[in-house]
PDB file of N, CA and C in Angstrom:
ATOM      1  N   MET A   1      38.777 113.526-147.762  1.00  0.00           N
ATOM      2  CA  MET A   1      37.814 112.465-147.561  1.00  0.00           C
ATOM      3  C   MET A   1      37.858 111.998-146.102  1.00  0.00           C
ATOM      4  N   ARG A   2      36.691 111.899-145.509  1.00  0.00           N
ATOM      5  CA  ARG A   2      36.608 111.451-144.109  1.00  0.00           C
ATOM      6  C   ARG A   2      36.579 109.938-144.026  1.00  0.00           C
ATOM      7  N   SER A   3      37.033 109.456-142.893  1.00  0.00           N
ATOM      8  CA  SER A   3      36.946 108.011-142.690  1.00  0.00           C
ATOM      9  C   SER A   3      35.570 107.655-142.147  1.00  0.00           C
ATOM     10  N   ALA A   4      35.165 106.424-142.326  1.00  0.00           N
ATOM     11  CA  ALA A   4      33.836 105.972-141.882  1.00  0.00           C
ATOM     12  C   ALA A   4      33.723 106.014-140.361  1.00  0.00           C
ATOM     13  N   ARG A   5      34.826 105.852-139.673  1.00  0.00           N
ATOM     14  CA  ARG A   5      34.810 105.836-138.210  1.00  0.00           C
ATOM     15  C   ARG A   5      34.395 107.198-137.647  1.00  0.00           C
ATOM     16  N   ASN A   6      34.846 108.276-138.246  1.00  0.00           N
ATOM     17  CA  ASN A   6      34.516 109.606-137.762  1.00  0.00           C
ATOM     18  C   ASN A   6      33.076 109.989-138.062  1.00  0.00           C
ATOM     19  N   ASP A   7      32.497 109.434-139.106  1.00  0.00           N
ATOM     20  CA  ASP A   7      31.131 109.775-139.481  1.00  0.00           C
ATOM     21  C   ASP A   7      30.095 109.128-138.572  1.00  0.00           C
ATOM     22  N   ARG A   8      30.406 107.981-138.044  1.00  0.00           N
ATOM     23  CA  ARG A   8      29.410 107.240-137.271  1.00  0.00           C
ATOM     24  C   ARG A   8      29.700 107.268-135.786  1.00  0.00           C
ATOM     25  N   GLY A   9      29.128 108.205-135.090  1.00  0.00           N
ATOM     26  CA  GLY A   9      29.137 108.227-133.633  1.00  0.00           C
ATOM     27  C   GLY A   9      30.481 108.116-132.971  1.00  0.00           C
ATOM     28  N   SER A  10      31.464 108.852-133.448  1.00  0.00           N
ATOM     29  CA  SER A  10      32.776 108.783-132.821  1.00  0.00           C
ATOM     30  C   SER A  10      32.763 109.394-131.428  1.00  0.00           C
ATOM     31  N   ASP A  11      31.762 110.264-131.161  1.00  0.00           N
ATOM     32  CA  ASP A  11      31.688 110.886-129.847  1.00  0.00           C
ATOM     33  C   ASP A  11      30.999 109.992-128.816  1.00  0.00           C
ATOM     34  N   LYS A  12      30.417 108.886-129.263  1.00  0.00           N
ATOM     35  CA  LYS A  12      29.770 107.958-128.330  1.00  0.00           C
ATOM     36  C   LYS A  12      30.819 107.081-127.662  1.00  0.00           C
ATOM     37  N   LYS A  13      30.520 106.701-126.439  1.00  0.00           N
ATOM     38  CA  LYS A  13      31.414 105.822-125.703  1.00  0.00           C
ATOM     39  C   LYS A  13      31.146 104.375-126.108  1.00  0.00           C
ATOM     40  N   LYS A  14      32.190 103.630-126.323  1.00  0.00           N
ATOM     41  CA  LYS A  14      32.038 102.213-126.660  1.00  0.00           C
ATOM     42  C   LYS A  14      31.791 101.431-125.383  1.00  0.00           C
ATOM     43  N   ARG A  15      30.814 100.567-125.407  1.00  0.00           N
ATOM     44  CA  ARG A  15      30.515  99.740-124.240  1.00  0.00           C
ATOM     45  C   ARG A  15      31.197  98.390-124.435  1.00  0.00           C
ATOM     46  N   ARG A  16      32.000  98.025-123.486  1.00  0.00           N
ATOM     47  CA  ARG A  16      32.713  96.752-123.570  1.00  0.00           C
ATOM     48  C   ARG A  16      32.234  95.821-122.478  1.00  0.00           C
ATOM     49  N   GLY A  17      32.221  94.559-122.779  1.00  0.00           N
ATOM     50  CA  GLY A  17      31.805  93.570-121.803  1.00  0.00           C
ATOM     51  C   GLY A  17      30.308  93.317-121.845  1.00  0.00           C
ATOM     52  N   PRO A  18      29.847  92.450-120.990  1.00  0.00           N
ATOM     53  CA  PRO A  18      28.416  92.117-120.986  1.00  0.00           C
ATOM     54  C   PRO A  18      27.574  93.280-120.474  1.00  0.00           C
ATOM     55  N   PRO A  19      26.319  93.374-120.934  1.00  0.00           N
ATOM     56  CA  PRO A  19      25.461  94.453-120.431  1.00  0.00           C
ATOM     57  C   PRO A  19      25.135  94.264-118.962  1.00  0.00           C
ATOM     58  N   ARG A  20      24.805  95.364-118.304  1.00  0.00           N
ATOM     59  CA  ARG A  20      24.500  95.320-116.872  1.00  0.00           C
ATOM     60  C   ARG A  20      23.186  94.621-116.614  1.00  0.00           C
ATOM     61  N   ARG A  21      23.154  93.751-115.615  1.00  0.00           N
ATOM     62  CA  ARG A  21      21.931  93.023-115.290  1.00  0.00           C
ATOM     63  C   ARG A  21      20.949  93.949-114.590  1.00  0.00           C
ATOM     64  N   LYS A  22      19.677  93.794-114.961  1.00  0.00           N
ATOM     65  CA  LYS A  22      18.641  94.584-114.304  1.00  0.00           C
ATOM     66  C   LYS A  22      18.271  93.896-112.998  1.00  0.00           C
ATOM     67  N   VAL A  23      18.002  94.681-111.999  1.00  0.00           N
ATOM     68  CA  VAL A  23      17.646  94.146-110.689  1.00  0.00           C
ATOM     69  C   VAL A  23      16.139  94.261-110.514  1.00  0.00           C
ATOM     70  N   CYS A  24      15.523  93.193-110.054  1.00  0.00           N
ATOM     71  CA  CYS A  24      14.081  93.183-109.832  1.00  0.00           C
ATOM     72  C   CYS A  24      13.743  94.179-108.722  1.00  0.00           C
ATOM     73  N   PRO A  25      12.860  95.152-108.994  1.00  0.00           N
ATOM     74  CA  PRO A  25      12.533  96.138-107.959  1.00  0.00           C
ATOM     75  C   PRO A  25      11.786  95.526-106.773  1.00  0.00           C
ATOM     76  N   PHE A  26      11.107  94.419-106.994  1.00  0.00           N
ATOM     77  CA  PHE A  26      10.357  93.775-105.917  1.00  0.00           C
ATOM     78  C   PHE A  26      11.267  92.908-105.043  1.00  0.00           C
ATOM     79  N   CYS A  27      12.335  92.363-105.625  1.00  0.00           N
ATOM     80  CA  CYS A  27      13.314  91.617-104.831  1.00  0.00           C
ATOM     81  C   CYS A  27      14.218  92.580-104.062  1.00  0.00           C
ATOM     82  N   ALA A  28      14.550  93.714-104.678  1.00  0.00           N
ATOM     83  CA  ALA A  28      15.449  94.682-104.050  1.00  0.00           C
ATOM     84  C   ALA A  28      14.800  95.332-102.834  1.00  0.00           C
ATOM     85  N   ASP A  29      13.509  95.655-102.935  1.00  0.00           N
ATOM     86  CA  ASP A  29      12.806  96.297-101.834  1.00  0.00           C
ATOM     87  C   ASP A  29      11.676  95.387-101.375  1.00  0.00           C
ATOM     88  N   ARG A  30      11.881  94.717-100.275  1.00  0.00           N
ATOM     89  CA  ARG A  30      10.905  93.744 -99.771  1.00  0.00           C
ATOM     90  C   ARG A  30       9.596  94.390 -99.302  1.00  0.00           C
ATOM     91  N   ASN A  31       9.602  95.694 -99.037  1.00  0.00           N
ATOM     92  CA  ASN A  31       8.409  96.373 -98.537  1.00  0.00           C
ATOM     93  C   ASN A  31       7.377  96.641 -99.619  1.00  0.00           C
ATOM     94  N   VAL A  32       7.807  96.652-100.893  1.00  0.00           N
ATOM     95  CA  VAL A  32       6.887  96.910-102.000  1.00  0.00           C
ATOM     96  C   VAL A  32       6.045  95.664-102.240  1.00  0.00           C
ATOM     97  N   LYS A  33       4.725  95.837-102.190  1.00  0.00           N
ATOM     98  CA  LYS A  33       3.826  94.702-102.412  1.00  0.00           C
ATOM     99  C   LYS A  33       3.156  94.840-103.772  1.00  0.00           C
ATOM    100  N   ILE A  34       2.943  93.710-104.413  1.00  0.00           N
ATOM    101  CA  ILE A  34       2.226  93.682-105.680  1.00  0.00           C
ATOM    102  C   ILE A  34       0.767  93.428-105.337  1.00  0.00           C
ATOM    103  N   ASP A  35      -0.068  94.450-105.548  1.00  0.00           N
ATOM    104  CA  ASP A  35      -1.462  94.342-105.162  1.00  0.00           C
ATOM    105  C   ASP A  35      -2.343  94.900-106.267  1.00  0.00           C
ATOM    106  N   TYR A  36      -3.348  94.152-106.671  1.00  0.00           N
ATOM    107  CA  TYR A  36      -4.237  94.590-107.744  1.00  0.00           C
ATOM    108  C   TYR A  36      -5.093  95.779-107.322  1.00  0.00           C
ATOM    109  N   LYS A  37      -5.249  95.989-106.001  1.00  0.00           N
ATOM    110  CA  LYS A  37      -6.069  97.094-105.511  1.00  0.00           C
ATOM    111  C   LYS A  37      -5.332  98.431-105.566  1.00  0.00           C
ATOM    112  N   ASN A  38      -4.062  98.398-105.914  1.00  0.00           N
ATOM    113  CA  ASN A  38      -3.249  99.610-106.024  1.00  0.00           C
ATOM    114  C   ASN A  38      -2.719  99.729-107.461  1.00  0.00           C
ATOM    115  N   PRO A  39      -3.566 100.169-108.402  1.00  0.00           N
ATOM    116  CA  PRO A  39      -3.141 100.211-109.800  1.00  0.00           C
ATOM    117  C   PRO A  39      -2.038 101.221-110.086  1.00  0.00           C
ATOM    118  N   SER A  40      -1.898 102.239-109.268  1.00  0.00           N
ATOM    119  CA  SER A  40      -0.837 103.216-109.513  1.00  0.00           C
ATOM    120  C   SER A  40       0.551 102.587-109.351  1.00  0.00           C
ATOM    121  N   ALA A  41       0.671 101.569-108.510  1.00  0.00           N
ATOM    122  CA  ALA A  41       1.960 100.907-108.299  1.00  0.00           C
ATOM    123  C   ALA A  41       2.334 100.003-109.470  1.00  0.00           C
ATOM    124  N   ILE A  42       1.339  99.405-110.117  1.00  0.00           N
ATOM    125  CA  ILE A  42       1.633  98.486-111.223  1.00  0.00           C
ATOM    126  C   ILE A  42       1.434  99.131-112.587  1.00  0.00           C
ATOM    127  N   LYS A  43       1.060 100.412-112.611  1.00  0.00           N
ATOM    128  CA  LYS A  43       0.826 101.106-113.881  1.00  0.00           C
ATOM    129  C   LYS A  43       2.096 101.256-114.696  1.00  0.00           C
ATOM    130  N   ARG A  44       3.255 101.354-114.040  1.00  0.00           N
ATOM    131  CA  ARG A  44       4.509 101.521-114.781  1.00  0.00           C
ATOM    132  C   ARG A  44       4.937 100.243-115.496  1.00  0.00           C
ATOM    133  N   LEU A  45       4.281  99.114-115.192  1.00  0.00           N
ATOM    134  CA  LEU A  45       4.585  97.849-115.848  1.00  0.00           C
ATOM    135  C   LEU A  45       3.625  97.552-116.994  1.00  0.00           C
ATOM    136  N   VAL A  46       2.882  98.592-117.410  1.00  0.00           N
ATOM    137  CA  VAL A  46       1.953  98.481-118.533  1.00  0.00           C
ATOM    138  C   VAL A  46       2.280  99.604-119.507  1.00  0.00           C
ATOM    139  N   THR A  47       2.272  99.306-120.821  1.00  0.00           N
ATOM    140  CA  THR A  47       2.563 100.331-121.823  1.00  0.00           C
ATOM    141  C   THR A  47       1.376 101.268-121.986  1.00  0.00           C
ATOM    142  N   GLU A  48       1.567 102.336-122.787  1.00  0.00           N
ATOM    143  CA  GLU A  48       0.485 103.278-123.045  1.00  0.00           C
ATOM    144  C   GLU A  48      -0.667 102.601-123.763  1.00  0.00           C
ATOM    145  N   ARG A  49      -0.349 101.570-124.518  1.00  0.00           N
ATOM    146  CA  ARG A  49      -1.368 100.857-125.284  1.00  0.00           C
ATOM    147  C   ARG A  49      -2.094  99.806-124.450  1.00  0.00           C
ATOM    148  N   GLY A  50      -1.618  99.571-123.235  1.00  0.00           N
ATOM    149  CA  GLY A  50      -2.293  98.638-122.343  1.00  0.00           C
ATOM    150  C   GLY A  50      -1.674  97.262-122.266  1.00  0.00           C
ATOM    151  N   LYS A  51      -0.515  97.071-122.889  1.00  0.00           N
ATOM    152  CA  LYS A  51       0.143  95.765-122.871  1.00  0.00           C
ATOM    153  C   LYS A  51       1.024  95.626-121.630  1.00  0.00           C
ATOM    154  N   ILE A  52       1.128  94.410-121.125  1.00  0.00           N
ATOM    155  CA  ILE A  52       2.006  94.138-119.987  1.00  0.00           C
ATOM    156  C   ILE A  52       3.446  94.121-120.497  1.00  0.00           C
ATOM    157  N   VAL A  53       4.319  94.865-119.829  1.00  0.00           N
ATOM    158  CA  VAL A  53       5.722  94.960-120.235  1.00  0.00           C
ATOM    159  C   VAL A  53       6.428  93.637-119.939  1.00  0.00           C
ATOM    160  N   PRO A  54       7.184  93.082-120.902  1.00  0.00           N
ATOM    161  CA  PRO A  54       7.870  91.816-120.664  1.00  0.00           C
ATOM    162  C   PRO A  54       9.030  91.938-119.674  1.00  0.00           C
ATOM    163  N   ARG A  55       9.441  90.807-119.148  1.00  0.00           N
ATOM    164  CA  ARG A  55      10.515  90.756-118.147  1.00  0.00           C
ATOM    165  C   ARG A  55      11.815  91.340-118.642  1.00  0.00           C
ATOM    166  N   ARG A  56      12.178  91.044-119.876  1.00  0.00           N
ATOM    167  CA  ARG A  56      13.473  91.498-120.397  1.00  0.00           C
ATOM    168  C   ARG A  56      13.552  93.017-120.478  1.00  0.00           C
ATOM    169  N   ILE A  57      12.398  93.686-120.577  1.00  0.00           N
ATOM    170  CA  ILE A  57      12.366  95.146-120.637  1.00  0.00           C
ATOM    171  C   ILE A  57      12.286  95.736-119.230  1.00  0.00           C
ATOM    172  N   SER A  58      11.386  95.191-118.405  1.00  0.00           N
ATOM    173  CA  SER A  58      11.153  95.769-117.080  1.00  0.00           C
ATOM    174  C   SER A  58      12.211  95.375-116.053  1.00  0.00           C
ATOM    175  N   GLY A  59      12.837  94.222-116.230  1.00  0.00           N
ATOM    176  CA  GLY A  59      13.851  93.766-115.286  1.00  0.00           C
ATOM    177  C   GLY A  59      13.288  93.039-114.078  1.00  0.00           C
ATOM    178  N   VAL A  60      12.007  92.691-114.119  1.00  0.00           N
ATOM    179  CA  VAL A  60      11.360  91.984-113.019  1.00  0.00           C
ATOM    180  C   VAL A  60      11.704  90.496-113.127  1.00  0.00           C
ATOM    181  N   CYS A  61      11.932  89.831-112.003  1.00  0.00           N
ATOM    182  CA  CYS A  61      12.256  88.411-112.020  1.00  0.00           C
ATOM    183  C   CYS A  61      11.009  87.591-112.385  1.00  0.00           C
ATOM    184  N   ALA A  62      11.201  86.313-112.708  1.00  0.00           N
ATOM    185  CA  ALA A  62      10.109  85.458-113.187  1.00  0.00           C
ATOM    186  C   ALA A  62       8.999  85.308-112.147  1.00  0.00           C
ATOM    187  N   LYS A  63       9.388  85.128-110.901  1.00  0.00           N
ATOM    188  CA  LYS A  63       8.410  84.952-109.829  1.00  0.00           C
ATOM    189  C   LYS A  63       7.508  86.178-109.705  1.00  0.00           C
ATOM    190  N   HIS A  64       8.120  87.357-109.684  1.00  0.00           N
ATOM    191  CA  HIS A  64       7.346  88.575-109.522  1.00  0.00           C
ATOM    192  C   HIS A  64       6.615  88.966-110.802  1.00  0.00           C
ATOM    193  N   GLN A  65       7.142  88.580-111.979  1.00  0.00           N
ATOM    194  CA  GLN A  65       6.447  88.876-113.229  1.00  0.00           C
ATOM    195  C   GLN A  65       5.111  88.126-113.278  1.00  0.00           C
ATOM    196  N   ARG A  66       5.085  86.915-112.772  1.00  0.00           N
ATOM    197  CA  ARG A  66       3.822  86.158-112.714  1.00  0.00           C
ATOM    198  C   ARG A  66       2.829  86.848-111.788  1.00  0.00           C
ATOM    199  N   GLN A  67       3.312  87.346-110.647  1.00  0.00           N
ATOM    200  CA  GLN A  67       2.438  88.060-109.708  1.00  0.00           C
ATOM    201  C   GLN A  67       1.944  89.377-110.295  1.00  0.00           C
ATOM    202  N   VAL A  68       2.819  90.070-111.026  1.00  0.00           N
ATOM    203  CA  VAL A  68       2.451  91.333-111.659  1.00  0.00           C
ATOM    204  C   VAL A  68       1.382  91.099-112.717  1.00  0.00           C
ATOM    205  N   ALA A  69       1.574  90.085-113.557  1.00  0.00           N
ATOM    206  CA  ALA A  69       0.609  89.786-114.614  1.00  0.00           C
ATOM    207  C   ALA A  69      -0.755  89.453-114.015  1.00  0.00           C
ATOM    208  N   LEU A  70      -0.761  88.668-112.952  1.00  0.00           N
ATOM    209  CA  LEU A  70      -2.020  88.305-112.296  1.00  0.00           C
ATOM    210  C   LEU A  70      -2.688  89.535-111.682  1.00  0.00           C
ATOM    211  N   ALA A  71      -1.900  90.408-111.056  1.00  0.00           N
ATOM    212  CA  ALA A  71      -2.447  91.625-110.450  1.00  0.00           C
ATOM    213  C   ALA A  71      -3.027  92.553-111.517  1.00  0.00           C
ATOM    214  N   ILE A  72      -2.350  92.678-112.660  1.00  0.00           N
ATOM    215  CA  ILE A  72      -2.853  93.522-113.744  1.00  0.00           C
ATOM    216  C   ILE A  72      -4.152  92.960-114.296  1.00  0.00           C
ATOM    217  N   LYS A  73      -4.200  91.657-114.482  1.00  0.00           N
ATOM    218  CA  LYS A  73      -5.410  91.019-115.010  1.00  0.00           C
ATOM    219  C   LYS A  73      -6.580  91.163-114.036  1.00  0.00           C
ATOM    220  N   ARG A  74      -6.314  91.046-112.757  1.00  0.00           N
ATOM    221  CA  ARG A  74      -7.371  91.223-111.751  1.00  0.00           C
ATOM    222  C   ARG A  74      -7.852  92.667-111.718  1.00  0.00           C
ATOM    223  N   ALA A  75      -6.914  93.621-111.798  1.00  0.00           N
ATOM    224  CA  ALA A  75      -7.284  95.037-111.793  1.00  0.00           C
ATOM    225  C   ALA A  75      -8.100  95.393-113.036  1.00  0.00           C
ATOM    226  N   ARG A  76      -7.771  94.787-114.156  1.00  0.00           N
ATOM    227  CA  ARG A  76      -8.550  95.006-115.375  1.00  0.00           C
ATOM    228  C   ARG A  76      -9.957  94.443-115.231  1.00  0.00           C
ATOM    229  N   HIS A  77     -10.035  93.273-114.640  1.00  0.00           N
ATOM    230  CA  HIS A  77     -11.325  92.590-114.511  1.00  0.00           C
ATOM    231  C   HIS A  77     -12.318  93.389-113.674  1.00  0.00           C
ATOM    232  N   ILE A  78     -11.843  94.036-112.619  1.00  0.00           N
ATOM    233  CA  ILE A  78     -12.757  94.819-111.777  1.00  0.00           C
ATOM    234  C   ILE A  78     -12.706  96.312-112.119  1.00  0.00           C
ATOM    235  N   ALA A  79     -12.209  96.623-113.321  1.00  0.00           N
ATOM    236  CA  ALA A  79     -12.221  97.965-113.912  1.00  0.00           C
ATOM    237  C   ALA A  79     -11.396  99.002-113.143  1.00  0.00           C
ATOM    238  N   LEU A  80     -10.305  98.586-112.539  1.00  0.00           N
ATOM    239  CA  LEU A  80      -9.381  99.548-111.941  1.00  0.00           C
ATOM    240  C   LEU A  80      -8.348 100.016-112.965  1.00  0.00           C
ATOM    241  N   MET A  81      -8.103  99.169-113.983  1.00  0.00           N
ATOM    242  CA  MET A  81      -7.175  99.495-115.065  1.00  0.00           C
ATOM    243  C   MET A  81      -7.853  99.180-116.388  1.00  0.00           C
ATOM    244  N   PRO A  82      -7.502  99.924-117.443  1.00  0.00           N
ATOM    245  CA  PRO A  82      -8.107  99.646-118.746  1.00  0.00           C
ATOM    246  C   PRO A  82      -7.462  98.426-119.419  1.00  0.00           C
ATOM    247  N   TYR A  83      -8.255  97.756-120.263  1.00  0.00           N
ATOM    248  CA  TYR A  83      -7.730  96.648-121.040  1.00  0.00           C
ATOM    249  C   TYR A  83      -6.849  97.169-122.168  1.00  0.00           C
ATOM    250  N   ALA A  84      -7.254  98.270-122.775  1.00  0.00           N
ATOM    251  CA  ALA A  84      -6.491  98.852-123.878  1.00  0.00           C
ATOM    252  C   ALA A  84      -6.577 100.367-123.802  1.00  0.00           C
ATOM    253  N   ALA A  85      -5.755 101.019-124.606  1.00  0.00           N
ATOM    254  CA  ALA A  85      -5.756 102.475-124.639  1.00  0.00           C
ATOM    255  C   ALA A  85      -7.046 102.977-125.266  1.00  0.00           C
ATOM    256  N   THR A  86      -7.557 104.070-124.747  1.00  0.00           N
ATOM    257  CA  THR A  86      -8.758 104.666-125.313  1.00  0.00           C
ATOM    258  C   THR A  86      -8.373 105.758-126.292  1.00  0.00           C
ATOM    259  N   GLY A  87      -9.268 106.111-127.178  1.00  0.00           N
ATOM    260  CA  GLY A  87      -9.015 107.192-128.120  1.00  0.00           C
ATOM    261  C   GLY A  87      -9.114 106.706-129.549  1.00  0.00           C
ATOM    262  N   ALA A  88      -8.780 107.585-130.461  1.00  0.00           N
ATOM    263  CA  ALA A  88      -8.893 107.286-131.878  1.00  0.00           C
ATOM    264  C   ALA A  88      -7.768 106.351-132.325  1.00  0.00           C
ATOM    265  N   ALA A  89      -8.072 105.596-133.384  1.00  0.00           N
ATOM    266  CA  ALA A  89      -7.072 104.682-133.930  1.00  0.00           C
ATOM    267  C   ALA A  89      -5.972 105.482-134.630  1.00  0.00           C
ATOM    268  N   ALA A  90      -4.754 105.013-134.470  1.00  0.00           N
ATOM    269  CA  ALA A  90      -3.632 105.754-135.045  1.00  0.00           C
ATOM    270  C   ALA A  90      -3.500 105.442-136.473  1.00  0.00           C
TER     271      ALA A  90
END
């Protein structure tokens, strides 16, 4: 009879301590600008379905998350980015 410990991910490494903090990419690199006219730069902060990725997932700080949300909304308004994913319903 096997023990429960060997059956469940014994080959995985145990993570101890607090999780690593995400660093805001816009604070880390001052040269990167958040601009609604450049949708390719802010496309990675939007899901495939067209939703804005939350801060806890993307790691963007509160100040820059507000700027990102505004840039995405402006890009959507002038049709540089889609409001939602196109195609058939799943």
